Amino acid sequence: MGRKLEGFQHVTERLQSVFGPATHGDTDTPVLHKHDDFETASEADLKNFDVETDSEGHHYAVRNNDPGPTSTDYSVRH
């Protein structure tokens, strides 16, 4: 094994001894959405985008109009 990999494994072993093993949860349990104000604002913001696919199969978002600053845009001070 390389020195970097051994160092990484040593760090993760120490973290596990301090914090315990990683918990992954039940993968069969459906995701519960909070439906709070932030999620509602995010859904409203996402309605301003369309998903496009290029000829190589890459997906990207294109703004379908310009609504101005959005409620989840942290660069905008309210």
C-alpha atoms as a PDB file:
ATOM      1  CA  MET A   1       0.000   0.000   0.000  1.00  0.00           C
ATOM      2  CA  GLY A   2       1.132   3.512  -0.675  1.00  0.00           C
ATOM      3  CA  ARG A   3       1.969   5.917   2.124  1.00  0.00           C
ATOM      4  CA  LYS A   4      -0.911   8.241   1.246  1.00  0.00           C
ATOM      5  CA  LEU A   5      -3.450   5.412   1.363  1.00  0.00           C
ATOM      6  CA  GLU A   6      -2.059   4.175   4.674  1.00  0.00           C
ATOM      7  CA  GLY A   7      -2.250   7.699   6.055  1.00  0.00           C
ATOM      8  CA  PHE A   8      -5.842   8.073   4.871  1.00  0.00           C
ATOM      9  CA  GLN A   9      -6.821   4.747   6.436  1.00  0.00           C
ATOM     10  CA  HIS A  10      -5.155   5.750   9.698  1.00  0.00           C
ATOM     11  CA  VAL A  11      -7.125   9.004   9.799  1.00  0.00           C
ATOM     12  CA  THR A  12     -10.433   7.282   9.041  1.00  0.00           C
ATOM     13  CA  GLU A  13      -9.764   4.636  11.698  1.00  0.00           C
ATOM     14  CA  ARG A  14      -9.094   7.374  14.266  1.00  0.00           C
ATOM     15  CA  LEU A  15     -12.255   9.223  13.267  1.00  0.00           C
ATOM     16  CA  GLN A  16     -14.275   6.027  13.562  1.00  0.00           C
ATOM     17  CA  SER A  17     -12.874   5.407  17.049  1.00  0.00           C
ATOM     18  CA  VAL A  18     -13.931   8.931  18.087  1.00  0.00           C
ATOM     19  CA  PHE A  19     -17.279   9.282  16.285  1.00  0.00           C
ATOM     20  CA  GLY A  20     -18.258   5.650  15.762  1.00  0.00           C
ATOM     21  CA  PRO A  21     -19.040   3.908  12.466  1.00  0.00           C
ATOM     22  CA  ALA A  22     -20.873   5.736   9.703  1.00  0.00           C
ATOM     23  CA  THR A  23     -24.616   5.233   9.675  1.00  0.00           C
ATOM     24  CA  HIS A  24     -26.259   4.881   6.304  1.00  0.00           C
ATOM     25  CA  GLY A  25     -29.850   4.603   7.421  1.00  0.00           C
ATOM     26  CA  ASP A  26     -32.469   2.450   5.825  1.00  0.00           C
ATOM     27  CA  THR A  27     -32.180   2.845   2.046  1.00  0.00           C
ATOM     28  CA  ASP A  28     -35.689   1.444   1.561  1.00  0.00           C
ATOM     29  CA  THR A  29     -37.287   4.237   3.590  1.00  0.00           C
ATOM     30  CA  PRO A  30     -38.685   7.007   1.374  1.00  0.00           C
ATOM     31  CA  VAL A  31     -37.252  10.510   1.726  1.00  0.00           C
ATOM     32  CA  LEU A  32     -39.435  12.738   3.875  1.00  0.00           C
ATOM     33  CA  HIS A  33     -39.732  16.302   2.648  1.00  0.00           C
ATOM     34  CA  LYS A  34     -40.272  19.046   5.200  1.00  0.00           C
ATOM     35  CA  HIS A  35     -42.396  21.213   2.914  1.00  0.00           C
ATOM     36  CA  ASP A  36     -41.085  24.209   4.796  1.00  0.00           C
ATOM     37  CA  ASP A  37     -40.764  27.779   3.487  1.00  0.00           C
ATOM     38  CA  PHE A  38     -37.304  27.149   2.000  1.00  0.00           C
ATOM     39  CA  GLU A  39     -38.435  24.057   0.097  1.00  0.00           C
ATOM     40  CA  THR A  40     -41.472  25.916  -1.228  1.00  0.00           C
ATOM     41  CA  ALA A  41     -39.254  28.812  -2.354  1.00  0.00           C
ATOM     42  CA  SER A  42     -36.783  26.381  -3.987  1.00  0.00           C
ATOM     43  CA  GLU A  43     -39.561  24.669  -5.934  1.00  0.00           C
ATOM     44  CA  ALA A  44     -40.806  28.064  -7.136  1.00  0.00           C
ATOM     45  CA  ASP A  45     -37.268  29.018  -8.232  1.00  0.00           C
ATOM     46  CA  LEU A  46     -36.755  25.733 -10.097  1.00  0.00           C
ATOM     47  CA  LYS A  47     -39.877  26.361 -12.174  1.00  0.00           C
ATOM     48  CA  ASN A  48     -37.835  29.070 -13.938  1.00  0.00           C
ATOM     49  CA  PHE A  49     -35.501  26.467 -15.481  1.00  0.00           C
ATOM     50  CA  ASP A  50     -35.830  23.876 -18.225  1.00  0.00           C
ATOM     51  CA  VAL A  51     -33.566  20.829 -18.408  1.00  0.00           C
ATOM     52  CA  GLU A  52     -31.832  20.489 -21.772  1.00  0.00           C
ATOM     53  CA  THR A  53     -29.778  17.574 -23.100  1.00  0.00           C
ATOM     54  CA  ASP A  54     -26.938  18.082 -25.574  1.00  0.00           C
ATOM     55  CA  SER A  55     -25.903  15.699 -28.357  1.00  0.00           C
ATOM     56  CA  GLU A  56     -23.509  13.871 -26.001  1.00  0.00           C
ATOM     57  CA  GLY A  57     -26.215  13.215 -23.410  1.00  0.00           C
ATOM     58  CA  HIS A  58     -25.117  15.864 -20.890  1.00  0.00           C
ATOM     59  CA  HIS A  59     -27.936  17.555 -18.984  1.00  0.00           C
ATOM     60  CA  TYR A  60     -27.952  21.214 -18.044  1.00  0.00           C
ATOM     61  CA  ALA A  61     -30.427  23.823 -16.872  1.00  0.00           C
ATOM     62  CA  VAL A  62     -31.511  26.761 -19.004  1.00  0.00           C
ATOM     63  CA  ARG A  63     -33.404  29.666 -17.515  1.00  0.00           C
ATOM     64  CA  ASN A  64     -36.727  29.861 -19.355  1.00  0.00           C
ATOM     65  CA  ASN A  65     -37.208  33.503 -18.357  1.00  0.00           C
ATOM     66  CA  ASP A  66     -35.417  36.049 -16.210  1.00  0.00           C
ATOM     67  CA  PRO A  67     -37.306  36.424 -12.937  1.00  0.00           C
ATOM     68  CA  GLY A  68     -34.584  38.590 -11.394  1.00  0.00           C
ATOM     69  CA  PRO A  69     -33.157  37.690  -7.993  1.00  0.00           C
ATOM     70  CA  THR A  70     -34.709  34.584  -6.500  1.00  0.00           C
ATOM     71  CA  SER A  71     -35.707  34.023  -2.893  1.00  0.00           C
ATOM     72  CA  THR A  72     -32.985  31.368  -2.422  1.00  0.00           C
ATOM     73  CA  ASP A  73     -30.209  33.451  -4.008  1.00  0.00           C
ATOM     74  CA  TYR A  74     -27.833  34.047  -1.113  1.00  0.00           C
ATOM     75  CA  SER A  75     -25.945  36.755  -3.009  1.00  0.00           C
ATOM     76  CA  VAL A  76     -29.037  38.950  -2.726  1.00  0.00           C
ATOM     77  CA  ARG A  77     -29.463  40.657   0.647  1.00  0.00           C
ATOM     78  CA  HIS A  78     -33.045  40.943   1.800  1.00  0.00           C
END
